[in-house]
């Protein structure tokens, strides 16, 4: 299941948004419309519904590890430029 943000803009220009967990785009829309209906703001059949799939990736590392990477060899000229810029910031 993915966390999905389902939203639509009503005829008054107000955006309504709800967060649901769904396995597919269509399931996200149905669950979103069900939630909107519970709050008396169901979109009409011709109203565009937007679905944003949230995927969160979390990486954990220490500042020491970042410093090691910055001091290490670069794999490409592009990476060397990035490392130079980041070293200047630290």
N, C-alpha and C. Protein backbone atom coordinates (compact mmCIF):
# COMPACT_ATOMS: atom_id res chain seq x y z
N UNK A 1 0.84 -1.18 0.00
CA UNK A 1 0.00 0.00 0.00
C UNK A 1 0.88 1.24 0.00
N UNK A 2 0.40 2.26 -0.64
CA UNK A 2 1.11 3.53 -0.69
C UNK A 2 0.25 4.62 -0.07
N UNK A 3 0.90 5.58 0.54
CA UNK A 3 0.18 6.74 1.05
C UNK A 3 -0.08 7.66 -0.14
N UNK A 4 -1.33 8.05 -0.30
CA UNK A 4 -1.74 8.89 -1.43
C UNK A 4 -2.46 10.12 -0.93
N UNK A 5 -2.17 11.24 -1.54
CA UNK A 5 -2.87 12.48 -1.25
C UNK A 5 -3.86 12.68 -2.39
N UNK A 6 -5.14 12.67 -2.07
CA UNK A 6 -6.21 12.82 -3.06
C UNK A 6 -6.83 14.18 -2.86
N UNK A 7 -6.96 14.95 -3.95
CA UNK A 7 -7.52 16.28 -3.80
C UNK A 7 -8.29 16.70 -5.05
N UNK A 8 -9.13 17.71 -4.86
CA UNK A 8 -9.84 18.30 -5.99
C UNK A 8 -10.17 19.74 -5.65
N UNK A 9 -10.41 20.52 -6.69
CA UNK A 9 -10.77 21.92 -6.56
C UNK A 9 -12.27 22.04 -6.81
N UNK A 10 -13.02 22.60 -5.84
CA UNK A 10 -14.47 22.70 -6.03
C UNK A 10 -14.82 23.93 -6.87
N UNK A 11 -16.09 24.12 -7.15
CA UNK A 11 -16.51 25.21 -8.03
C UNK A 11 -16.27 26.58 -7.41
N UNK A 12 -16.04 26.62 -6.11
CA UNK A 12 -15.74 27.89 -5.43
C UNK A 12 -14.25 28.19 -5.41
N UNK A 13 -13.45 27.27 -5.96
CA UNK A 13 -12.00 27.45 -5.96
C UNK A 13 -11.31 26.96 -4.70
N UNK A 14 -12.03 26.20 -3.88
CA UNK A 14 -11.45 25.65 -2.65
C UNK A 14 -10.91 24.26 -2.93
N UNK A 15 -9.64 24.02 -2.55
CA UNK A 15 -9.04 22.70 -2.73
C UNK A 15 -9.34 21.86 -1.50
N UNK A 16 -9.87 20.66 -1.73
CA UNK A 16 -10.15 19.70 -0.67
C UNK A 16 -9.13 18.58 -0.81
N UNK A 17 -8.52 18.17 0.30
CA UNK A 17 -7.45 17.18 0.27
C UNK A 17 -7.63 16.17 1.39
N UNK A 18 -7.34 14.91 1.08
CA UNK A 18 -7.40 13.86 2.07
C UNK A 18 -6.24 12.89 1.81
N UNK A 19 -5.75 12.26 2.86
CA UNK A 19 -4.68 11.27 2.74
C UNK A 19 -5.28 9.88 2.92
N UNK A 20 -4.98 8.98 2.00
CA UNK A 20 -5.47 7.60 2.08
C UNK A 20 -4.32 6.64 1.81
N UNK A 21 -4.52 5.39 2.16
CA UNK A 21 -3.57 4.33 1.80
C UNK A 21 -4.25 3.44 0.79
N UNK A 22 -3.60 3.22 -0.36
CA UNK A 22 -4.23 2.47 -1.43
C UNK A 22 -3.19 1.67 -2.21
N UNK A 23 -3.67 0.62 -2.89
CA UNK A 23 -2.82 -0.22 -3.72
C UNK A 23 -2.83 0.20 -5.18
N UNK A 24 -3.77 1.06 -5.56
CA UNK A 24 -3.84 1.48 -6.96
C UNK A 24 -4.38 2.90 -7.05
N UNK A 25 -4.23 3.48 -8.21
CA UNK A 25 -4.74 4.82 -8.46
C UNK A 25 -6.25 4.87 -8.27
N UNK A 26 -6.94 3.89 -8.84
CA UNK A 26 -8.41 3.88 -8.76
C UNK A 26 -8.88 3.68 -7.32
N UNK A 27 -8.19 2.83 -6.57
CA UNK A 27 -8.55 2.64 -5.17
C UNK A 27 -8.35 3.93 -4.39
N UNK A 28 -7.27 4.65 -4.68
CA UNK A 28 -7.03 5.92 -3.99
C UNK A 28 -8.17 6.90 -4.25
N UNK A 29 -8.63 6.98 -5.50
CA UNK A 29 -9.73 7.89 -5.83
C UNK A 29 -11.00 7.50 -5.08
N UNK A 30 -11.33 6.21 -5.10
CA UNK A 30 -12.56 5.75 -4.43
C UNK A 30 -12.48 6.03 -2.93
N UNK A 31 -11.35 5.72 -2.31
CA UNK A 31 -11.21 5.97 -0.87
C UNK A 31 -11.26 7.47 -0.57
N UNK A 32 -10.65 8.27 -1.46
CA UNK A 32 -10.68 9.72 -1.28
C UNK A 32 -12.09 10.27 -1.39
N UNK A 33 -12.82 9.83 -2.42
CA UNK A 33 -14.20 10.30 -2.61
C UNK A 33 -15.08 9.88 -1.42
N UNK A 34 -14.84 8.69 -0.90
CA UNK A 34 -15.59 8.22 0.27
C UNK A 34 -15.33 9.15 1.46
N UNK A 35 -14.08 9.54 1.65
CA UNK A 35 -13.76 10.46 2.76
C UNK A 35 -14.39 11.83 2.52
N UNK A 36 -14.33 12.32 1.28
CA UNK A 36 -14.95 13.61 0.98
C UNK A 36 -16.46 13.57 1.24
N UNK A 37 -17.08 12.46 0.84
CA UNK A 37 -18.53 12.30 1.03
C UNK A 37 -18.89 12.39 2.52
N UNK A 38 -18.06 11.80 3.37
CA UNK A 38 -18.30 11.84 4.82
C UNK A 38 -18.28 13.27 5.36
N UNK A 39 -17.63 14.17 4.64
CA UNK A 39 -17.52 15.56 5.06
C UNK A 39 -18.33 16.50 4.15
N UNK A 40 -19.28 15.92 3.45
CA UNK A 40 -20.21 16.69 2.60
C UNK A 40 -19.50 17.56 1.56
N UNK A 41 -18.45 17.02 0.97
CA UNK A 41 -17.78 17.78 -0.09
C UNK A 41 -17.35 16.84 -1.23
N UNK A 42 -18.26 15.98 -1.63
CA UNK A 42 -17.97 15.02 -2.70
C UNK A 42 -17.81 15.73 -4.04
N UNK A 43 -16.76 15.40 -4.81
CA UNK A 43 -16.60 16.02 -6.12
C UNK A 43 -17.62 15.47 -7.12
N UNK A 44 -18.00 16.28 -8.08
CA UNK A 44 -18.91 15.83 -9.13
C UNK A 44 -18.18 14.92 -10.11
N UNK A 45 -18.93 14.24 -10.97
CA UNK A 45 -18.35 13.29 -11.91
C UNK A 45 -17.36 13.92 -12.90
N UNK A 46 -17.49 15.19 -13.18
CA UNK A 46 -16.61 15.83 -14.15
C UNK A 46 -15.47 16.61 -13.51
N UNK A 47 -15.45 16.64 -12.19
CA UNK A 47 -14.40 17.36 -11.46
C UNK A 47 -13.10 16.58 -11.53
N UNK A 48 -11.99 17.24 -11.85
CA UNK A 48 -10.70 16.56 -11.91
C UNK A 48 -10.22 16.25 -10.50
N UNK A 49 -9.76 15.02 -10.32
CA UNK A 49 -9.25 14.58 -9.02
C UNK A 49 -7.76 14.31 -9.18
N UNK A 50 -6.97 14.88 -8.30
CA UNK A 50 -5.52 14.73 -8.35
C UNK A 50 -5.09 13.72 -7.29
N UNK A 51 -4.19 12.80 -7.67
CA UNK A 51 -3.67 11.82 -6.73
C UNK A 51 -2.15 11.93 -6.72
N UNK A 52 -1.60 12.22 -5.56
CA UNK A 52 -0.16 12.29 -5.38
C UNK A 52 0.25 11.08 -4.56
N UNK A 53 1.19 10.30 -5.09
CA UNK A 53 1.67 9.12 -4.37
C UNK A 53 2.90 9.53 -3.59
N UNK A 54 2.84 9.36 -2.30
CA UNK A 54 3.94 9.74 -1.42
C UNK A 54 4.84 8.54 -1.17
N UNK A 55 6.07 8.71 -1.53
CA UNK A 55 7.06 7.68 -1.21
C UNK A 55 8.14 8.37 -0.42
N UNK A 56 8.34 7.92 0.77
CA UNK A 56 9.32 8.55 1.63
C UNK A 56 10.51 7.62 1.81
N UNK A 57 11.68 8.13 1.53
CA UNK A 57 12.91 7.38 1.73
C UNK A 57 13.72 8.12 2.78
N UNK A 58 14.15 7.41 3.80
CA UNK A 58 14.92 8.03 4.87
C UNK A 58 16.30 7.39 4.90
N UNK A 59 17.32 8.22 4.89
CA UNK A 59 18.70 7.75 5.00
C UNK A 59 19.27 8.37 6.28
N UNK A 60 20.04 7.58 7.03
CA UNK A 60 20.64 8.07 8.25
C UNK A 60 22.15 7.88 8.16
N UNK A 61 22.88 8.96 8.39
CA UNK A 61 24.33 8.89 8.41
C UNK A 61 24.85 9.98 9.31
N UNK A 62 26.14 9.87 9.64
CA UNK A 62 26.75 10.85 10.53
C UNK A 62 27.45 11.93 9.71
N UNK A 63 27.68 13.06 10.35
CA UNK A 63 28.42 14.13 9.71
C UNK A 63 29.85 13.66 9.41
N UNK A 64 30.38 12.81 10.29
CA UNK A 64 31.72 12.25 10.04
C UNK A 64 31.77 11.47 8.74
N UNK A 65 30.73 10.70 8.47
CA UNK A 65 30.66 9.93 7.21
C UNK A 65 30.59 10.86 6.01
N UNK A 66 29.85 11.95 6.16
CA UNK A 66 29.77 12.94 5.07
C UNK A 66 31.14 13.56 4.83
N UNK A 67 31.85 13.90 5.91
CA UNK A 67 33.20 14.47 5.75
C UNK A 67 34.15 13.47 5.07
N UNK A 68 34.03 12.19 5.42
CA UNK A 68 34.85 11.16 4.77
C UNK A 68 34.58 11.13 3.26
N UNK A 69 33.31 11.17 2.90
CA UNK A 69 32.93 11.15 1.49
C UNK A 69 33.48 12.38 0.77
N UNK A 70 33.37 13.55 1.42
CA UNK A 70 33.87 14.77 0.81
C UNK A 70 35.38 14.72 0.57
N UNK A 71 36.12 14.04 1.44
CA UNK A 71 37.58 13.97 1.31
C UNK A 71 38.02 12.84 0.37
N UNK A 72 37.12 11.93 0.07
CA UNK A 72 37.45 10.79 -0.79
C UNK A 72 37.56 11.18 -2.26
N UNK A 73 38.02 10.23 -3.05
CA UNK A 73 38.17 10.43 -4.49
C UNK A 73 36.80 10.62 -5.15
N UNK A 74 36.78 11.42 -6.19
CA UNK A 74 35.55 11.65 -6.95
C UNK A 74 35.48 10.68 -8.11
N UNK A 75 34.28 10.22 -8.41
CA UNK A 75 34.08 9.26 -9.49
C UNK A 75 33.92 9.93 -10.85
N UNK A 76 33.66 11.23 -10.84
CA UNK A 76 33.46 11.95 -12.09
C UNK A 76 33.79 13.42 -11.88
N UNK A 77 34.00 14.15 -12.96
CA UNK A 77 34.22 15.60 -12.83
C UNK A 77 33.04 16.30 -12.17
N UNK A 78 31.83 15.84 -12.50
CA UNK A 78 30.63 16.44 -11.91
C UNK A 78 30.64 16.26 -10.39
N UNK A 79 30.97 15.04 -9.94
CA UNK A 79 31.01 14.79 -8.50
C UNK A 79 32.10 15.62 -7.84
N UNK A 80 33.23 15.84 -8.51
CA UNK A 80 34.30 16.67 -7.96
C UNK A 80 33.83 18.09 -7.74
N UNK A 81 33.06 18.62 -8.68
CA UNK A 81 32.52 19.98 -8.55
C UNK A 81 31.56 20.06 -7.37
N UNK A 82 30.70 19.05 -7.25
CA UNK A 82 29.73 19.02 -6.14
C UNK A 82 30.48 18.97 -4.81
N UNK A 83 31.49 18.10 -4.73
CA UNK A 83 32.25 17.98 -3.48
C UNK A 83 32.96 19.29 -3.13
N UNK A 84 33.56 19.95 -4.12
CA UNK A 84 34.23 21.23 -3.87
C UNK A 84 33.24 22.24 -3.30
N UNK A 85 32.06 22.31 -3.90
CA UNK A 85 31.04 23.26 -3.44
C UNK A 85 30.60 22.94 -2.01
N UNK A 86 30.40 21.67 -1.72
CA UNK A 86 29.93 21.26 -0.39
C UNK A 86 31.02 21.46 0.66
N UNK A 87 32.29 21.18 0.29
CA UNK A 87 33.39 21.41 1.23
C UNK A 87 33.47 22.89 1.60
N UNK A 88 33.25 23.76 0.62
CA UNK A 88 33.29 25.20 0.88
C UNK A 88 32.18 25.61 1.86
N UNK A 89 31.06 24.94 1.80
CA UNK A 89 29.95 25.25 2.70
C UNK A 89 30.24 24.81 4.14
N UNK A 90 30.93 23.68 4.28
CA UNK A 90 31.25 23.19 5.63
C UNK A 90 32.44 23.93 6.20
